[in-house]
């Protein structure tokens, strides 16, 4: 009888060891979200975001004392996101513009200087232009109380901001052969006129989107 008891105890010990060394079970899902899957953002991506016609900044806030504070914090968060996207857009436009000017550029233009100029202009644009008023969408996620905001901005507006600053004789003299500066300025002015028209169209489209 004692032998049977010893064998039984040994077997129970072995079972305990094997089960404790097995794969860990996943942690329990938090109760407040166990029946609900939350998307990263409640806003569906727009086709115009893919084409670059519209640039957006998305932000949120939660656990604020009132809706006014929640809205203000969400807009601040959205502006920060928009700033990152503006930076990317400015960089793309800068590189494309410099490529377009390749036949007019001075010999030996330092690439590092060009990149530094681009960064400075980007900072100026973000510091001076990203202050609203904004065209935006707002949503409140009732289960969590999270306040969401999406700012919508015309992609042509961002390109306009950069090209307005490029249309500066002192800046152009750093990169462009002097005999070609006037032509480059004329081309920039044509670009700006076209961008203003596109900006109007894209802004009207944004107004139509947020009114739905």
N, C-alpha and C. Protein backbone atom coordinates (compact mmCIF):
# COMPACT_ATOMS: atom_id res chain seq x y z
N UNK A 1 0.82 -1.20 0.00
CA UNK A 1 0.00 0.00 0.00
C UNK A 1 0.86 1.26 0.00
N UNK A 2 1.92 1.20 0.83
CA UNK A 2 2.84 2.34 0.89
C UNK A 2 3.52 2.59 -0.45
N UNK A 3 3.88 1.48 -1.14
CA UNK A 3 4.54 1.60 -2.44
C UNK A 3 3.62 2.28 -3.44
N UNK A 4 2.33 1.90 -3.43
CA UNK A 4 1.36 2.48 -4.36
C UNK A 4 1.21 3.98 -4.07
N UNK A 5 1.19 4.30 -2.76
CA UNK A 5 1.05 5.70 -2.38
C UNK A 5 2.25 6.52 -2.85
N UNK A 6 3.47 5.93 -2.71
CA UNK A 6 4.69 6.64 -3.16
C UNK A 6 4.66 6.88 -4.66
N UNK A 7 4.24 5.82 -5.40
CA UNK A 7 4.18 5.94 -6.87
C UNK A 7 3.19 7.03 -7.28
N UNK A 8 2.03 7.06 -6.59
CA UNK A 8 1.01 8.06 -6.90
C UNK A 8 1.53 9.47 -6.66
N UNK A 9 2.22 9.65 -5.52
CA UNK A 9 2.77 10.97 -5.18
C UNK A 9 3.80 11.40 -6.21
N UNK A 10 4.67 10.45 -6.64
CA UNK A 10 5.70 10.75 -7.65
C UNK A 10 5.08 11.19 -8.96
N UNK A 11 4.01 10.48 -9.37
CA UNK A 11 3.34 10.80 -10.62
C UNK A 11 2.70 12.19 -10.55
N UNK A 12 2.10 12.52 -9.41
CA UNK A 12 1.50 13.84 -9.25
C UNK A 12 2.55 14.95 -9.31
N UNK A 13 3.70 14.67 -8.71
CA UNK A 13 4.80 15.65 -8.75
C UNK A 13 5.28 15.89 -10.17
N UNK A 14 5.40 14.77 -10.94
CA UNK A 14 5.86 14.88 -12.33
C UNK A 14 4.87 15.68 -13.17
N UNK A 15 3.58 15.44 -12.95
CA UNK A 15 2.55 16.18 -13.68
C UNK A 15 2.63 17.67 -13.37
N UNK A 16 2.86 17.97 -12.08
CA UNK A 16 2.97 19.37 -11.68
C UNK A 16 4.17 20.05 -12.34
N UNK A 17 5.31 19.35 -12.40
CA UNK A 17 6.54 19.91 -12.99
C UNK A 17 6.32 20.18 -14.46
N UNK A 18 5.73 19.20 -15.18
CA UNK A 18 5.53 19.36 -16.63
C UNK A 18 4.58 20.52 -16.95
N UNK A 19 3.52 20.63 -16.16
CA UNK A 19 2.55 21.69 -16.44
C UNK A 19 3.11 23.07 -16.12
N UNK A 20 3.94 23.14 -15.08
CA UNK A 20 4.51 24.44 -14.71
C UNK A 20 5.58 24.89 -15.68
N UNK A 21 6.20 23.94 -16.40
CA UNK A 21 7.25 24.27 -17.35
C UNK A 21 6.70 24.49 -18.77
N UNK A 22 5.42 24.24 -18.96
CA UNK A 22 4.82 24.37 -20.28
C UNK A 22 4.67 25.82 -20.68
N UNK A 23 4.11 26.05 -21.87
CA UNK A 23 3.97 27.42 -22.37
C UNK A 23 3.05 28.25 -21.48
N UNK A 24 3.42 29.50 -21.29
CA UNK A 24 2.63 30.40 -20.46
C UNK A 24 1.32 30.75 -21.16
N UNK A 25 0.27 30.86 -20.42
CA UNK A 25 -1.00 31.27 -20.98
C UNK A 25 -1.00 32.78 -21.21
N UNK A 26 -1.66 33.25 -22.26
CA UNK A 26 -1.70 34.70 -22.49
C UNK A 26 -2.43 35.41 -21.37
N UNK A 27 -2.01 36.63 -21.05
CA UNK A 27 -2.67 37.37 -19.96
C UNK A 27 -4.12 37.63 -20.30
N UNK A 28 -4.92 37.73 -19.26
CA UNK A 28 -6.34 37.98 -19.47
C UNK A 28 -6.56 39.32 -20.14
N UNK A 29 -7.55 39.37 -21.01
CA UNK A 29 -7.89 40.62 -21.68
C UNK A 29 -8.53 41.55 -20.65
N UNK A 30 -8.14 42.81 -20.70
CA UNK A 30 -8.73 43.77 -19.77
C UNK A 30 -10.24 43.78 -19.92
N UNK A 31 -10.91 43.82 -18.78
CA UNK A 31 -12.37 43.70 -18.78
C UNK A 31 -13.06 44.76 -19.61
N UNK A 32 -12.51 46.00 -19.57
CA UNK A 32 -13.23 47.08 -20.24
C UNK A 32 -13.19 46.99 -21.76
N UNK A 33 -12.27 46.15 -22.32
CA UNK A 33 -12.21 46.04 -23.78
C UNK A 33 -12.36 44.60 -24.27
N UNK A 34 -12.73 43.70 -23.39
CA UNK A 34 -12.76 42.29 -23.78
C UNK A 34 -13.83 42.00 -24.84
N UNK A 35 -14.88 42.84 -24.91
CA UNK A 35 -15.95 42.61 -25.87
C UNK A 35 -15.91 43.61 -27.02
N UNK A 36 -14.85 44.40 -27.09
CA UNK A 36 -14.82 45.45 -28.10
C UNK A 36 -13.41 45.62 -28.66
N UNK A 37 -13.31 45.58 -29.97
CA UNK A 37 -12.02 45.81 -30.62
C UNK A 37 -11.94 47.27 -31.03
N UNK A 38 -10.92 47.97 -30.57
CA UNK A 38 -10.77 49.38 -30.88
C UNK A 38 -9.77 49.58 -32.01
N UNK A 39 -10.20 50.30 -33.02
CA UNK A 39 -9.29 50.65 -34.11
C UNK A 39 -8.26 51.67 -33.59
N UNK A 40 -7.13 51.75 -34.30
CA UNK A 40 -6.11 52.72 -33.91
C UNK A 40 -6.66 54.15 -34.02
N UNK A 41 -7.53 54.39 -34.98
CA UNK A 41 -8.17 55.69 -35.15
C UNK A 41 -9.56 55.47 -35.72
N UNK A 42 -10.53 56.30 -35.35
CA UNK A 42 -11.89 56.13 -35.88
C UNK A 42 -12.07 56.69 -37.28
N UNK A 43 -11.02 57.33 -37.84
CA UNK A 43 -11.13 57.96 -39.14
C UNK A 43 -10.65 57.02 -40.25
N UNK A 44 -11.46 56.91 -41.29
CA UNK A 44 -11.09 56.10 -42.45
C UNK A 44 -10.15 56.92 -43.33
N UNK A 45 -9.09 56.28 -43.83
CA UNK A 45 -8.15 57.00 -44.70
C UNK A 45 -8.85 57.46 -45.97
N UNK A 46 -8.57 58.68 -46.36
CA UNK A 46 -9.19 59.27 -47.55
C UNK A 46 -8.36 58.94 -48.79
N UNK A 47 -9.00 58.73 -49.94
CA UNK A 47 -8.24 58.53 -51.19
C UNK A 47 -7.32 59.71 -51.49
N UNK A 48 -7.76 60.91 -51.10
CA UNK A 48 -6.96 62.12 -51.34
C UNK A 48 -5.70 62.16 -50.48
N UNK A 49 -5.69 61.41 -49.38
CA UNK A 49 -4.46 61.30 -48.58
C UNK A 49 -3.42 60.49 -49.34
N UNK A 50 -3.88 59.46 -50.04
CA UNK A 50 -2.97 58.59 -50.80
C UNK A 50 -2.34 59.37 -51.95
N UNK A 51 -3.14 60.22 -52.61
CA UNK A 51 -2.64 60.98 -53.75
C UNK A 51 -1.84 62.21 -53.33
N UNK A 52 -1.96 62.60 -52.07
CA UNK A 52 -1.24 63.78 -51.58
C UNK A 52 -2.02 65.07 -51.72
N UNK A 53 -3.26 64.99 -52.23
CA UNK A 53 -4.08 66.20 -52.35
C UNK A 53 -4.44 66.76 -50.98
N UNK A 54 -4.63 65.86 -50.02
CA UNK A 54 -4.96 66.27 -48.66
C UNK A 54 -3.96 65.64 -47.69
N UNK A 55 -3.48 66.45 -46.77
CA UNK A 55 -2.59 65.98 -45.71
C UNK A 55 -3.34 66.12 -44.40
N UNK A 56 -3.27 65.10 -43.56
CA UNK A 56 -4.03 65.12 -42.31
C UNK A 56 -3.13 64.98 -41.09
N UNK A 57 -3.64 65.50 -39.99
CA UNK A 57 -3.00 65.28 -38.69
C UNK A 57 -4.05 64.76 -37.73
N UNK A 58 -3.77 63.64 -37.08
CA UNK A 58 -4.74 63.02 -36.18
C UNK A 58 -4.22 63.04 -34.75
N UNK A 59 -5.10 63.40 -33.82
CA UNK A 59 -4.71 63.42 -32.42
C UNK A 59 -5.89 63.09 -31.53
N UNK A 60 -5.61 62.83 -30.26
CA UNK A 60 -6.69 62.54 -29.31
C UNK A 60 -6.29 62.99 -27.91
N UNK A 61 -7.30 63.04 -27.07
CA UNK A 61 -7.05 63.31 -25.65
C UNK A 61 -8.06 62.51 -24.85
N UNK A 62 -7.77 62.33 -23.58
CA UNK A 62 -8.70 61.59 -22.72
C UNK A 62 -8.51 62.04 -21.27
N UNK A 63 -9.52 61.75 -20.48
CA UNK A 63 -9.50 62.05 -19.05
C UNK A 63 -9.25 63.53 -18.77
N UNK A 64 -9.98 64.38 -19.51
CA UNK A 64 -9.90 65.82 -19.26
C UNK A 64 -11.12 66.27 -18.46
N UNK A 65 -10.98 67.40 -17.80
CA UNK A 65 -12.04 67.87 -16.90
C UNK A 65 -13.33 68.21 -17.64
N UNK A 66 -13.20 68.70 -18.88
CA UNK A 66 -14.39 69.05 -19.64
C UNK A 66 -14.09 68.94 -21.14
N UNK A 67 -15.13 69.07 -21.94
CA UNK A 67 -14.99 68.89 -23.39
C UNK A 67 -14.10 69.96 -24.02
N UNK A 68 -14.16 71.17 -23.51
CA UNK A 68 -13.33 72.24 -24.06
C UNK A 68 -11.84 71.92 -23.91
N UNK A 69 -11.46 71.43 -22.74
CA UNK A 69 -10.06 71.05 -22.51
C UNK A 69 -9.68 69.83 -23.34
N UNK A 70 -10.61 68.88 -23.46
CA UNK A 70 -10.37 67.68 -24.25
C UNK A 70 -10.15 68.05 -25.72
N UNK A 71 -10.96 68.94 -26.22
CA UNK A 71 -10.85 69.37 -27.62
C UNK A 71 -9.52 70.09 -27.86
N UNK A 72 -9.18 70.98 -26.96
CA UNK A 72 -7.92 71.74 -27.09
C UNK A 72 -6.71 70.80 -27.10
N UNK A 73 -6.72 69.83 -26.20
CA UNK A 73 -5.59 68.89 -26.12
C UNK A 73 -5.54 68.00 -27.36
N UNK A 74 -6.70 67.60 -27.86
CA UNK A 74 -6.75 66.75 -29.06
C UNK A 74 -6.24 67.51 -30.28
N UNK A 75 -6.60 68.78 -30.39
CA UNK A 75 -6.12 69.59 -31.51
C UNK A 75 -4.60 69.77 -31.43
N UNK A 76 -4.09 70.00 -30.24
CA UNK A 76 -2.63 70.12 -30.05
C UNK A 76 -1.92 68.84 -30.50
N UNK A 77 -2.50 67.70 -30.14
CA UNK A 77 -1.94 66.41 -30.54
C UNK A 77 -2.00 66.24 -32.06
N UNK A 78 -3.11 66.67 -32.68
CA UNK A 78 -3.27 66.56 -34.13
C UNK A 78 -2.30 67.47 -34.88
N UNK A 79 -2.06 68.65 -34.33
CA UNK A 79 -1.10 69.58 -34.96
C UNK A 79 0.31 68.99 -34.94
N UNK A 80 0.66 68.31 -33.85
CA UNK A 80 1.98 67.67 -33.76
C UNK A 80 2.12 66.59 -34.84
N UNK A 81 1.05 65.82 -35.05
CA UNK A 81 1.07 64.79 -36.09
C UNK A 81 1.14 65.44 -37.47
N UNK A 82 0.38 66.51 -37.66
CA UNK A 82 0.40 67.23 -38.94
C UNK A 82 1.79 67.79 -39.23
N UNK A 83 2.46 68.30 -38.21
CA UNK A 83 3.80 68.87 -38.39
C UNK A 83 4.77 67.83 -38.95
N UNK A 84 4.66 66.60 -38.47
CA UNK A 84 5.53 65.53 -38.98
C UNK A 84 5.26 65.28 -40.46
N UNK A 85 4.00 65.33 -40.85
CA UNK A 85 3.64 65.07 -42.24
C UNK A 85 4.00 66.25 -43.14
N UNK A 86 3.89 67.45 -42.60
CA UNK A 86 4.32 68.64 -43.34
C UNK A 86 5.82 68.57 -43.61
N UNK A 87 6.57 68.15 -42.62
CA UNK A 87 8.01 67.99 -42.77
C UNK A 87 8.34 67.03 -43.92
N UNK A 88 7.62 65.91 -43.98
CA UNK A 88 7.84 64.93 -45.05
C UNK A 88 7.48 65.51 -46.41
N UNK A 89 6.37 66.25 -46.47
CA UNK A 89 5.92 66.86 -47.72
C UNK A 89 6.91 67.91 -48.20
N UNK A 90 7.37 68.76 -47.30
CA UNK A 90 8.34 69.80 -47.66
C UNK A 90 9.62 69.18 -48.21
N UNK A 91 10.08 68.13 -47.56
CA UNK A 91 11.30 67.46 -48.02
C UNK A 91 11.12 66.93 -49.45
N UNK A 92 9.96 66.32 -49.73
CA UNK A 92 9.70 65.77 -51.06
C UNK A 92 9.65 66.88 -52.11
N UNK A 93 8.98 67.99 -51.78
CA UNK A 93 8.87 69.12 -52.72
C UNK A 93 10.24 69.75 -52.95
N UNK A 94 11.01 69.90 -51.88
CA UNK A 94 12.36 70.47 -51.99
C UNK A 94 13.22 69.64 -52.95
N UNK A 95 13.23 68.33 -52.73
CA UNK A 95 14.06 67.46 -53.58
C UNK A 95 13.60 67.49 -55.03
N UNK A 96 12.30 67.50 -55.24
CA UNK A 96 11.77 67.55 -56.60
C UNK A 96 12.14 68.87 -57.28
N UNK A 97 12.05 69.96 -56.52
CA UNK A 97 12.35 71.28 -57.08
C UNK A 97 13.84 71.39 -57.42
N UNK A 98 14.69 70.89 -56.53
CA UNK A 98 16.12 70.94 -56.80
C UNK A 98 16.48 70.10 -58.03
N UNK A 99 15.78 68.99 -58.20
CA UNK A 99 16.00 68.16 -59.40
C UNK A 99 15.57 68.91 -60.65
N UNK A 100 14.46 69.64 -60.56
CA UNK A 100 13.97 70.43 -61.70
C UNK A 100 14.95 71.54 -62.06
N UNK A 101 15.68 72.03 -61.04
CA UNK A 101 16.62 73.12 -61.27
C UNK A 101 18.03 72.64 -61.61
N UNK A 102 18.20 71.38 -61.81
CA UNK A 102 19.55 70.81 -61.96
C UNK A 102 20.36 71.50 -63.06
N UNK A 103 19.71 71.87 -64.17
CA UNK A 103 20.45 72.50 -65.28
C UNK A 103 20.81 73.95 -64.98
N UNK A 104 20.19 74.53 -63.94
CA UNK A 104 20.47 75.93 -63.60
C UNK A 104 21.37 76.06 -62.38
N UNK A 105 21.66 74.95 -61.73
CA UNK A 105 22.40 75.02 -60.47
C UNK A 105 23.87 75.35 -60.68
N UNK A 106 24.41 76.05 -59.72
CA UNK A 106 25.83 76.37 -59.73
C UNK A 106 26.65 75.09 -59.59
N UNK A 107 27.83 75.09 -60.15
CA UNK A 107 28.73 73.96 -59.96
C UNK A 107 29.22 73.94 -58.51
N UNK A 108 29.35 72.74 -58.00
CA UNK A 108 29.92 72.59 -56.66
C UNK A 108 29.00 72.99 -55.53
N UNK A 109 27.68 73.02 -55.79
CA UNK A 109 26.75 73.31 -54.69
C UNK A 109 26.83 72.19 -53.66
N UNK A 110 27.06 72.57 -52.43
CA UNK A 110 27.25 71.60 -51.37
C UNK A 110 25.92 70.96 -50.97
N UNK A 111 25.84 69.63 -51.04
CA UNK A 111 24.61 68.92 -50.71
C UNK A 111 24.21 69.12 -49.24
N UNK A 112 25.21 69.13 -48.37
CA UNK A 112 24.95 69.32 -46.95
C UNK A 112 24.32 70.69 -46.69
N UNK A 113 24.80 71.69 -47.43
CA UNK A 113 24.24 73.05 -47.29
C UNK A 113 22.78 73.06 -47.74
N UNK A 114 22.49 72.34 -48.82
CA UNK A 114 21.12 72.25 -49.34
C UNK A 114 20.19 71.60 -48.32
N UNK A 115 20.66 70.52 -47.71
CA UNK A 115 19.85 69.82 -46.70
C UNK A 115 19.62 70.72 -45.49
N UNK A 116 20.64 71.44 -45.07
CA UNK A 116 20.51 72.34 -43.93
C UNK A 116 19.51 73.46 -44.23
N UNK A 117 19.56 73.98 -45.46
CA UNK A 117 18.61 75.01 -45.89
C UNK A 117 17.18 74.49 -45.84
N UNK A 118 17.00 73.26 -46.31
CA UNK A 118 15.68 72.63 -46.31
C UNK A 118 15.16 72.49 -44.88
N UNK A 119 16.00 72.06 -43.97
CA UNK A 119 15.60 71.89 -42.58
C UNK A 119 15.19 73.22 -41.96
N UNK A 120 15.96 74.27 -42.27
CA UNK A 120 15.65 75.60 -41.73
C UNK A 120 14.31 76.10 -42.24
N UNK A 121 14.07 75.91 -43.54
CA UNK A 121 12.80 76.35 -44.13
C UNK A 121 11.63 75.55 -43.56
N UNK A 122 11.84 74.26 -43.35
CA UNK A 122 10.80 73.42 -42.77
C UNK A 122 10.43 73.91 -41.38
N UNK A 123 11.43 74.24 -40.59
CA UNK A 123 11.18 74.74 -39.22
C UNK A 123 10.41 76.06 -39.26
N UNK A 124 10.80 76.93 -40.17
CA UNK A 124 10.11 78.22 -40.30
C UNK A 124 8.65 78.01 -40.68
N UNK A 125 8.41 77.11 -41.63
CA UNK A 125 7.03 76.84 -42.07
C UNK A 125 6.19 76.29 -40.91
N UNK A 126 6.74 75.33 -40.19
CA UNK A 126 6.00 74.73 -39.08
C UNK A 126 5.73 75.75 -37.97
N UNK A 127 6.74 76.58 -37.68
CA UNK A 127 6.60 77.56 -36.60
C UNK A 127 5.63 78.69 -36.95
N UNK A 128 5.58 79.07 -38.23
CA UNK A 128 4.79 80.25 -38.61
C UNK A 128 3.44 79.93 -39.23
N UNK A 129 3.29 78.75 -39.82
CA UNK A 129 2.06 78.46 -40.57
C UNK A 129 1.08 77.54 -39.83
N UNK A 130 1.59 76.69 -38.96
CA UNK A 130 0.71 75.70 -38.32
C UNK A 130 0.06 76.27 -37.06
N UNK A 131 -0.81 77.24 -37.28
CA UNK A 131 -1.47 77.87 -36.13
C UNK A 131 -2.98 77.96 -36.31
N UNK A 132 -3.54 77.40 -37.37
CA UNK A 132 -4.98 77.42 -37.58
C UNK A 132 -5.45 78.80 -38.05
N UNK A 133 -6.78 79.01 -38.15
CA UNK A 133 -7.86 78.07 -37.79
C UNK A 133 -7.87 76.86 -38.71
N UNK A 134 -8.36 75.73 -38.18
CA UNK A 134 -8.27 74.46 -38.89
C UNK A 134 -9.62 74.00 -39.42
N UNK A 135 -9.55 73.30 -40.54
CA UNK A 135 -10.70 72.53 -41.01
C UNK A 135 -10.51 71.13 -40.43
N UNK A 136 -11.46 70.68 -39.62
CA UNK A 136 -11.23 69.43 -38.91
C UNK A 136 -12.50 68.62 -38.68
N UNK A 137 -12.29 67.36 -38.37
CA UNK A 137 -13.35 66.44 -37.98
C UNK A 137 -13.13 66.06 -36.52
N UNK A 138 -14.24 65.84 -35.80
CA UNK A 138 -14.14 65.51 -34.37
C UNK A 138 -15.05 64.33 -34.06
N UNK A 139 -14.53 63.43 -33.23
CA UNK A 139 -15.33 62.28 -32.80
C UNK A 139 -15.02 61.96 -31.34
N UNK A 140 -16.06 61.55 -30.61
CA UNK A 140 -15.87 61.13 -29.22
C UNK A 140 -16.16 59.63 -29.14
N UNK A 141 -15.20 58.88 -28.60
CA UNK A 141 -15.38 57.45 -28.40
C UNK A 141 -16.00 57.26 -27.02
N UNK A 142 -17.30 57.02 -27.00
CA UNK A 142 -18.04 57.03 -25.73
C UNK A 142 -17.56 56.01 -24.70
N UNK A 143 -17.23 54.76 -25.10
CA UNK A 143 -16.80 53.80 -24.07
C UNK A 143 -15.56 54.24 -23.28
N UNK A 144 -14.65 54.96 -23.96
CA UNK A 144 -13.42 55.37 -23.28
C UNK A 144 -13.39 56.86 -22.95
N UNK A 145 -14.29 57.63 -23.58
CA UNK A 145 -14.28 59.07 -23.38
C UNK A 145 -13.16 59.75 -24.16
N UNK A 146 -12.54 59.02 -25.06
CA UNK A 146 -11.42 59.58 -25.84
C UNK A 146 -11.96 60.55 -26.90
N UNK A 147 -11.35 61.73 -26.98
CA UNK A 147 -11.77 62.77 -27.92
C UNK A 147 -10.79 62.79 -29.09
N UNK A 148 -11.30 62.50 -30.30
CA UNK A 148 -10.46 62.40 -31.49
C UNK A 148 -10.64 63.62 -32.38
N UNK A 149 -9.55 64.04 -33.02
CA UNK A 149 -9.59 65.15 -33.97
C UNK A 149 -8.74 64.79 -35.18
N UNK A 150 -9.26 65.12 -36.37
CA UNK A 150 -8.45 64.99 -37.59
C UNK A 150 -8.45 66.34 -38.30
N UNK A 151 -7.28 66.93 -38.45
CA UNK A 151 -7.11 68.16 -39.21
C UNK A 151 -6.89 67.79 -40.68
N UNK A 152 -7.57 68.49 -41.58
CA UNK A 152 -7.40 68.25 -43.01
C UNK A 152 -6.82 69.51 -43.66
N UNK A 153 -5.74 69.34 -44.39
CA UNK A 153 -5.03 70.48 -44.99
C UNK A 153 -4.73 70.17 -46.45
N UNK A 154 -4.91 71.14 -47.30
CA UNK A 154 -4.60 70.99 -48.72
C UNK A 154 -3.10 70.73 -48.91
N UNK A 155 -2.78 69.70 -49.69
CA UNK A 155 -1.37 69.42 -49.98
C UNK A 155 -0.72 70.56 -50.75
N UNK A 156 -1.51 71.24 -51.60
CA UNK A 156 -0.98 72.37 -52.37
C UNK A 156 -0.63 73.55 -51.48
N UNK A 157 -1.32 73.65 -50.35
CA UNK A 157 -1.00 74.73 -49.40
C UNK A 157 0.43 74.57 -48.88
N UNK A 158 0.80 73.35 -48.57
CA UNK A 158 2.15 73.09 -48.04
C UNK A 158 3.20 73.40 -49.11
N UNK A 159 2.93 72.96 -50.34
CA UNK A 159 3.86 73.24 -51.44
C UNK A 159 3.96 74.74 -51.68
N UNK A 160 2.84 75.43 -51.57
CA UNK A 160 2.84 76.90 -51.72
C UNK A 160 3.71 77.56 -50.67
N UNK A 161 3.58 77.10 -49.42
CA UNK A 161 4.38 77.68 -48.34
C UNK A 161 5.87 77.61 -48.65
N UNK A 162 6.31 76.46 -49.18
CA UNK A 162 7.73 76.31 -49.48
C UNK A 162 8.13 77.18 -50.66
N UNK A 163 7.36 77.15 -51.73
CA UNK A 163 7.77 77.86 -52.95
C UNK A 163 7.71 79.38 -52.78
N UNK A 164 6.83 79.84 -51.89
CA UNK A 164 6.84 81.27 -51.56
C UNK A 164 8.19 81.67 -50.97
N UNK A 165 8.73 80.79 -50.15
CA UNK A 165 10.01 81.10 -49.49
C UNK A 165 11.20 80.86 -50.42
N UNK A 166 11.03 79.97 -51.38
CA UNK A 166 12.10 79.76 -52.36
C UNK A 166 12.20 80.93 -53.34
N UNK A 167 11.08 81.61 -53.54
CA UNK A 167 11.05 82.73 -54.48
C UNK A 167 11.68 83.97 -53.84
N UNK A 168 12.93 83.80 -53.52
CA UNK A 168 13.68 84.82 -52.80
C UNK A 168 15.06 84.94 -53.46
N UNK A 169 15.36 86.11 -53.97
CA UNK A 169 16.58 86.27 -54.77
C UNK A 169 17.84 85.92 -53.98
N UNK A 170 17.91 86.34 -52.73
CA UNK A 170 19.10 86.06 -51.92
C UNK A 170 19.31 84.56 -51.76
N UNK A 171 18.20 83.83 -51.56
CA UNK A 171 18.30 82.37 -51.42
C UNK A 171 18.67 81.72 -52.75
N UNK A 172 18.06 82.17 -53.83
CA UNK A 172 18.32 81.58 -55.15
C UNK A 172 19.78 81.77 -55.57
N UNK A 173 20.38 82.88 -55.17
CA UNK A 173 21.78 83.13 -55.54
C UNK A 173 22.74 82.10 -54.96
N UNK A 174 22.30 81.43 -53.89
CA UNK A 174 23.15 80.38 -53.30
C UNK A 174 23.24 79.15 -54.20
N UNK A 175 22.19 78.92 -55.00
CA UNK A 175 22.08 77.66 -55.73
C UNK A 175 22.03 77.80 -57.25
N UNK A 176 21.57 78.94 -57.74
CA UNK A 176 21.29 79.09 -59.16
C UNK A 176 22.31 80.01 -59.84
N UNK A 177 22.69 79.65 -61.07
CA UNK A 177 23.57 80.50 -61.87
C UNK A 177 22.88 81.86 -62.02
N UNK A 178 23.65 82.91 -61.84
CA UNK A 178 23.05 84.26 -61.80
C UNK A 178 22.25 84.59 -63.05
N UNK A 179 22.72 84.15 -64.20
CA UNK A 179 22.04 84.47 -65.46
C UNK A 179 20.68 83.77 -65.57
N UNK A 180 20.43 82.77 -64.70
CA UNK A 180 19.19 81.99 -64.79
C UNK A 180 18.20 82.30 -63.64
N UNK A 181 18.61 83.20 -62.76
CA UNK A 181 17.76 83.49 -61.59
C UNK A 181 16.40 84.05 -62.01
N UNK A 182 16.40 84.97 -62.98
CA UNK A 182 15.14 85.58 -63.41
C UNK A 182 14.20 84.52 -63.97
N UNK A 183 14.73 83.59 -64.77
CA UNK A 183 13.90 82.53 -65.35
C UNK A 183 13.32 81.64 -64.25
N UNK A 184 14.15 81.29 -63.27
CA UNK A 184 13.70 80.45 -62.17
C UNK A 184 12.59 81.16 -61.38
N UNK A 185 12.74 82.46 -61.16
CA UNK A 185 11.71 83.22 -60.45
C UNK A 185 10.40 83.24 -61.24
N UNK A 186 10.50 83.38 -62.55
CA UNK A 186 9.29 83.36 -63.39
C UNK A 186 8.60 82.00 -63.31
N UNK A 187 9.40 80.94 -63.34
CA UNK A 187 8.84 79.58 -63.21
C UNK A 187 8.18 79.38 -61.84
N UNK A 188 8.83 79.90 -60.81
CA UNK A 188 8.27 79.79 -59.46
C UNK A 188 6.93 80.52 -59.37
N UNK A 189 6.86 81.70 -59.99
CA UNK A 189 5.61 82.46 -59.95
C UNK A 189 4.49 81.71 -60.66
N UNK A 190 4.80 81.07 -61.78
CA UNK A 190 3.81 80.26 -62.50
C UNK A 190 3.35 79.10 -61.62
N UNK A 191 4.32 78.47 -60.96
CA UNK A 191 3.98 77.36 -60.05
C UNK A 191 3.06 77.84 -58.92
N UNK A 192 3.36 79.00 -58.37
CA UNK A 192 2.57 79.54 -57.26
C UNK A 192 1.14 79.87 -57.71
N UNK A 193 1.01 80.42 -58.90
CA UNK A 193 -0.33 80.73 -59.42
C UNK A 193 -1.15 79.44 -59.58
N UNK A 194 -0.50 78.40 -60.12
CA UNK A 194 -1.19 77.11 -60.30
C UNK A 194 -1.52 76.48 -58.95
N UNK A 195 -0.61 76.60 -58.00
CA UNK A 195 -0.83 76.02 -56.67
C UNK A 195 -1.99 76.70 -55.94
N UNK A 196 -2.13 78.00 -56.12
CA UNK A 196 -3.24 78.71 -55.47
C UNK A 196 -4.58 78.22 -56.01
N UNK A 197 -4.64 77.93 -57.31
CA UNK A 197 -5.87 77.39 -57.89
C UNK A 197 -6.16 75.99 -57.35
N UNK A 198 -5.13 75.16 -57.29
CA UNK A 198 -5.29 73.81 -56.74
C UNK A 198 -5.67 73.86 -55.27
N UNK A 199 -5.08 74.80 -54.55
CA UNK A 199 -5.38 74.96 -53.13
C UNK A 199 -6.87 75.25 -52.92
N UNK A 200 -7.43 76.12 -53.75
CA UNK A 200 -8.87 76.44 -53.66
C UNK A 200 -9.71 75.19 -53.88
N UNK A 201 -9.37 74.43 -54.92
CA UNK A 201 -10.13 73.21 -55.24
C UNK A 201 -10.03 72.19 -54.11
N UNK A 202 -8.82 72.00 -53.59
CA UNK A 202 -8.63 71.01 -52.52
C UNK A 202 -9.31 71.46 -51.22
N UNK A 203 -9.30 72.75 -50.95
CA UNK A 203 -9.95 73.27 -49.75
C UNK A 203 -11.47 73.09 -49.84
N UNK A 204 -12.02 73.30 -51.03
CA UNK A 204 -13.45 73.06 -51.22
C UNK A 204 -13.79 71.59 -51.02
N UNK A 205 -12.91 70.73 -51.48
CA UNK A 205 -13.12 69.29 -51.30
C UNK A 205 -13.08 68.93 -49.81
N UNK A 206 -12.16 69.53 -49.08
CA UNK A 206 -12.07 69.30 -47.63
C UNK A 206 -13.35 69.75 -46.93
N UNK A 207 -13.85 70.93 -47.30
CA UNK A 207 -15.09 71.43 -46.70
C UNK A 207 -16.25 70.49 -46.98
N UNK A 208 -16.25 69.91 -48.17
CA UNK A 208 -17.30 68.96 -48.52
C UNK A 208 -17.19 67.68 -47.68
N UNK A 209 -15.98 67.24 -47.44
CA UNK A 209 -15.76 66.01 -46.64
C UNK A 209 -16.22 66.19 -45.20
N UNK A 210 -15.85 67.33 -44.60
CA UNK A 210 -16.15 67.50 -43.17
C UNK A 210 -17.62 67.88 -42.95
N UNK A 211 -18.33 68.28 -44.00
CA UNK A 211 -19.74 68.62 -43.85
C UNK A 211 -20.65 67.40 -43.89
N UNK A 212 -20.08 66.24 -44.28
CA UNK A 212 -20.89 65.02 -44.40
C UNK A 212 -21.21 64.43 -43.03
